[in-house]
Amino acid sequence: MSVIRQYLDDPFLKRLYEDIRKAGAIRSVSLDITSRACLRFIVALQI
């Protein structure tokens, strides 16, 4: 038996797995909201 199937025997883990699958693709986002990042952005736009 595969490891995934063993985990899915647990009703709670099975529900989590199904909910994640329904949500679809997850994208990673990294944001820098400091004033320094803002200055870099403004300078880059002026070039």
PDB file of N, CA and C in Angstrom:
ATOM      1  N   MET A   1       0.849  -1.180   0.000  1.00  0.00           N
ATOM      2  CA  MET A   1       0.000   0.000   0.000  1.00  0.00           C
ATOM      3  C   MET A   1       0.892   1.240   0.000  1.00  0.00           C
ATOM      4  N   SER A   2       0.529   2.241  -0.792  1.00  0.00           N
ATOM      5  CA  SER A   2       1.337   3.452  -0.865  1.00  0.00           C
ATOM      6  C   SER A   2       1.181   4.291   0.401  1.00  0.00           C
ATOM      7  N   VAL A   3       2.148   5.136   0.628  1.00  0.00           N
ATOM      8  CA  VAL A   3       2.140   5.998   1.807  1.00  0.00           C
ATOM      9  C   VAL A   3       0.940   6.947   1.760  1.00  0.00           C
ATOM     10  N   ILE A   4       0.634   7.472   0.575  1.00  0.00           N
ATOM     11  CA  ILE A   4      -0.512   8.386   0.430  1.00  0.00           C
ATOM     12  C   ILE A   4      -1.798   7.680   0.844  1.00  0.00           C
ATOM     13  N   ARG A   5      -1.973   6.479   0.405  1.00  0.00           N
ATOM     14  CA  ARG A   5      -3.201   5.750   0.758  1.00  0.00           C
ATOM     15  C   ARG A   5      -3.295   5.515   2.265  1.00  0.00           C
ATOM     16  N   GLN A   6      -2.165   5.284   2.894  1.00  0.00           N
ATOM     17  CA  GLN A   6      -2.180   5.110   4.351  1.00  0.00           C
ATOM     18  C   GLN A   6      -2.631   6.401   5.037  1.00  0.00           C
ATOM     19  N   TYR A   7      -2.139   7.532   4.560  1.00  0.00           N
ATOM     20  CA  TYR A   7      -2.562   8.813   5.138  1.00  0.00           C
ATOM     21  C   TYR A   7      -4.042   9.069   4.885  1.00  0.00           C
ATOM     22  N   LEU A   8      -4.508   8.703   3.700  1.00  0.00           N
ATOM     23  CA  LEU A   8      -5.904   8.976   3.342  1.00  0.00           C
ATOM     24  C   LEU A   8      -6.886   8.072   4.078  1.00  0.00           C
ATOM     25  N   ASP A   9      -6.400   7.077   4.783  1.00  0.00           N
ATOM     26  CA  ASP A   9      -7.274   6.274   5.639  1.00  0.00           C
ATOM     27  C   ASP A   9      -7.793   7.094   6.814  1.00  0.00           C
ATOM     28  N   ASP A  10      -7.055   8.131   7.183  1.00  0.00           N
ATOM     29  CA  ASP A  10      -7.477   9.037   8.258  1.00  0.00           C
ATOM     30  C   ASP A  10      -8.495  10.026   7.665  1.00  0.00           C
ATOM     31  N   PRO A  11      -9.726  10.073   8.176  1.00  0.00           N
ATOM     32  CA  PRO A  11     -10.758  10.944   7.606  1.00  0.00           C
ATOM     33  C   PRO A  11     -10.365  12.425   7.581  1.00  0.00           C
ATOM     34  N   PHE A  12      -9.674  12.892   8.628  1.00  0.00           N
ATOM     35  CA  PHE A  12      -9.272  14.296   8.677  1.00  0.00           C
ATOM     36  C   PHE A  12      -8.267  14.613   7.570  1.00  0.00           C
ATOM     37  N   LEU A  13      -7.247  13.765   7.419  1.00  0.00           N
ATOM     38  CA  LEU A  13      -6.242  13.988   6.378  1.00  0.00           C
ATOM     39  C   LEU A  13      -6.838  13.849   4.987  1.00  0.00           C
ATOM     40  N   LYS A  14      -7.779  12.928   4.840  1.00  0.00           N
ATOM     41  CA  LYS A  14      -8.446  12.767   3.548  1.00  0.00           C
ATOM     42  C   LYS A  14      -9.216  14.032   3.181  1.00  0.00           C
ATOM     43  N   ARG A  15      -9.899  14.618   4.160  1.00  0.00           N
ATOM     44  CA  ARG A  15     -10.659  15.862   3.916  1.00  0.00           C
ATOM     45  C   ARG A  15      -9.716  16.991   3.541  1.00  0.00           C
ATOM     46  N   LEU A  16      -8.591  17.127   4.238  1.00  0.00           N
ATOM     47  CA  LEU A  16      -7.610  18.161   3.898  1.00  0.00           C
ATOM     48  C   LEU A  16      -7.093  17.979   2.472  1.00  0.00           C
ATOM     49  N   TYR A  17      -6.767  16.749   2.129  1.00  0.00           N
ATOM     50  CA  TYR A  17      -6.251  16.442   0.794  1.00  0.00           C
ATOM     51  C   TYR A  17      -7.266  16.822  -0.279  1.00  0.00           C
ATOM     52  N   GLU A  18      -8.529  16.455  -0.059  1.00  0.00           N
ATOM     53  CA  GLU A  18      -9.575  16.762  -1.035  1.00  0.00           C
ATOM     54  C   GLU A  18      -9.789  18.263  -1.172  1.00  0.00           C
ATOM     55  N   ASP A  19      -9.786  18.984  -0.061  1.00  0.00           N
ATOM     56  CA  ASP A  19      -9.959  20.438  -0.103  1.00  0.00           C
ATOM     57  C   ASP A  19      -8.821  21.121  -0.849  1.00  0.00           C
ATOM     58  N   ILE A  20      -7.603  20.642  -0.628  1.00  0.00           N
ATOM     59  CA  ILE A  20      -6.447  21.215  -1.322  1.00  0.00           C
ATOM     60  C   ILE A  20      -6.533  20.941  -2.818  1.00  0.00           C
ATOM     61  N   ARG A  21      -6.946  19.744  -3.176  1.00  0.00           N
ATOM     62  CA  ARG A  21      -7.084  19.402  -4.596  1.00  0.00           C
ATOM     63  C   ARG A  21      -8.152  20.262  -5.270  1.00  0.00           C
ATOM     64  N   LYS A  22      -9.242  20.539  -4.550  1.00  0.00           N
ATOM     65  CA  LYS A  22     -10.309  21.390  -5.095  1.00  0.00           C
ATOM     66  C   LYS A  22      -9.837  22.820  -5.309  1.00  0.00           C
ATOM     67  N   ALA A  23      -8.954  23.295  -4.452  1.00  0.00           N
ATOM     68  CA  ALA A  23      -8.481  24.680  -4.532  1.00  0.00           C
ATOM     69  C   ALA A  23      -7.682  24.935  -5.799  1.00  0.00           C
ATOM     70  N   GLY A  24      -7.082  23.914  -6.356  1.00  0.00           N
ATOM     71  CA  GLY A  24      -6.318  24.078  -7.587  1.00  0.00           C
ATOM     72  C   GLY A  24      -4.880  24.500  -7.328  1.00  0.00           C
ATOM     73  N   ALA A  25      -4.280  25.053  -8.362  1.00  0.00           N
ATOM     74  CA  ALA A  25      -2.864  25.424  -8.306  1.00  0.00           C
ATOM     75  C   ALA A  25      -2.635  26.541  -7.296  1.00  0.00           C
ATOM     76  N   ILE A  26      -1.553  26.423  -6.554  1.00  0.00           N
ATOM     77  CA  ILE A  26      -1.173  27.436  -5.587  1.00  0.00           C
ATOM     78  C   ILE A  26       0.107  28.085  -6.088  1.00  0.00           C
ATOM     79  N   ARG A  27       0.102  29.409  -6.115  1.00  0.00           N
ATOM     80  CA  ARG A  27       1.272  30.137  -6.596  1.00  0.00           C
ATOM     81  C   ARG A  27       1.954  30.841  -5.429  1.00  0.00           C
ATOM     82  N   SER A  28       3.240  30.797  -5.443  1.00  0.00           N
ATOM     83  CA  SER A  28       4.031  31.461  -4.416  1.00  0.00           C
ATOM     84  C   SER A  28       4.216  32.927  -4.800  1.00  0.00           C
ATOM     85  N   VAL A  29       4.077  33.814  -3.828  1.00  0.00           N
ATOM     86  CA  VAL A  29       4.268  35.242  -4.060  1.00  0.00           C
ATOM     87  C   VAL A  29       5.172  35.790  -2.969  1.00  0.00           C
ATOM     88  N   SER A  30       6.154  36.561  -3.377  1.00  0.00           N
ATOM     89  CA  SER A  30       7.050  37.194  -2.420  1.00  0.00           C
ATOM     90  C   SER A  30       6.965  38.698  -2.624  1.00  0.00           C
ATOM     91  N   LEU A  31       6.609  39.421  -1.572  1.00  0.00           N
ATOM     92  CA  LEU A  31       6.480  40.866  -1.660  1.00  0.00           C
ATOM     93  C   LEU A  31       7.403  41.537  -0.661  1.00  0.00           C
ATOM     94  N   ASP A  32       8.036  42.602  -1.078  1.00  0.00           N
ATOM     95  CA  ASP A  32       8.839  43.420  -0.189  1.00  0.00           C
ATOM     96  C   ASP A  32       8.125  44.754  -0.076  1.00  0.00           C
ATOM     97  N   ILE A  33       7.551  45.034   1.086  1.00  0.00           N
ATOM     98  CA  ILE A  33       6.742  46.238   1.227  1.00  0.00           C
ATOM     99  C   ILE A  33       7.463  47.340   1.992  1.00  0.00           C
ATOM    100  N   THR A  34       8.780  47.234   2.067  1.00  0.00           N
ATOM    101  CA  THR A  34       9.546  48.262   2.758  1.00  0.00           C
ATOM    102  C   THR A  34       9.694  49.495   1.875  1.00  0.00           C
ATOM    103  N   SER A  35      10.006  50.608   2.477  1.00  0.00           N
ATOM    104  CA  SER A  35      10.204  51.848   1.717  1.00  0.00           C
ATOM    105  C   SER A  35      11.395  51.717   0.780  1.00  0.00           C
ATOM    106  N   ARG A  36      12.372  50.914   1.168  1.00  0.00           N
ATOM    107  CA  ARG A  36      13.547  50.714   0.317  1.00  0.00           C
ATOM    108  C   ARG A  36      13.140  50.060  -1.010  1.00  0.00           C
ATOM    109  N   ALA A  37      12.269  49.070  -0.948  1.00  0.00           N
ATOM    110  CA  ALA A  37      11.794  48.413  -2.166  1.00  0.00           C
ATOM    111  C   ALA A  37      11.020  49.397  -3.016  1.00  0.00           C
ATOM    112  N   CYS A  38      10.241  50.244  -2.382  1.00  0.00           N
ATOM    113  CA  CYS A  38       9.466  51.246  -3.113  1.00  0.00           C
ATOM    114  C   CYS A  38      10.405  52.191  -3.856  1.00  0.00           C
ATOM    115  N   LEU A  39      11.481  52.613  -3.212  1.00  0.00           N
ATOM    116  CA  LEU A  39      12.448  53.496  -3.861  1.00  0.00           C
ATOM    117  C   LEU A  39      13.100  52.813  -5.055  1.00  0.00           C
ATOM    118  N   ARG A  40      13.444  51.543  -4.904  1.00  0.00           N
ATOM    119  CA  ARG A  40      14.034  50.811  -6.036  1.00  0.00           C
ATOM    120  C   ARG A  40      13.066  50.777  -7.204  1.00  0.00           C
ATOM    121  N   PHE A  41      11.780  50.583  -6.917  1.00  0.00           N
ATOM    122  CA  PHE A  41      10.767  50.515  -7.960  1.00  0.00           C
ATOM    123  C   PHE A  41      10.639  51.864  -8.663  1.00  0.00           C
ATOM    124  N   ILE A  42      10.592  52.943  -7.895  1.00  0.00           N
ATOM    125  CA  ILE A  42      10.456  54.278  -8.484  1.00  0.00           C
ATOM    126  C   ILE A  42      11.673  54.604  -9.353  1.00  0.00           C
ATOM    127  N   VAL A  43      12.878  54.306  -8.874  1.00  0.00           N
ATOM    128  CA  VAL A  43      14.083  54.551  -9.639  1.00  0.00           C
ATOM    129  C   VAL A  43      14.067  53.730 -10.919  1.00  0.00           C
ATOM    130  N   ALA A  44      13.633  52.492 -10.844  1.00  0.00           N
ATOM    131  CA  ALA A  44      13.597  51.636 -12.030  1.00  0.00           C
ATOM    132  C   ALA A  44      12.622  52.192 -13.062  1.00  0.00           C
ATOM    133  N   LEU A  45      11.544  52.784 -12.642  1.00  0.00           N
ATOM    134  CA  LEU A  45      10.570  53.347 -13.586  1.00  0.00           C
ATOM    135  C   LEU A  45      11.116  54.583 -14.289  1.00  0.00           C
ATOM    136  N   GLN A  46      12.022  55.301 -13.653  1.00  0.00           N
ATOM    137  CA  GLN A  46      12.564  56.531 -14.221  1.00  0.00           C
ATOM    138  C   GLN A  46      13.658  56.279 -15.245  1.00  0.00           C
ATOM    139  N   ILE A  47      14.164  55.076 -15.288  1.00  0.00           N
ATOM    140  CA  ILE A  47      15.264  54.771 -16.228  1.00  0.00           C
ATOM    141  C   ILE A  47      14.751  54.628 -17.630  1.00  0.00           C
TER     142      ILE A  47
END
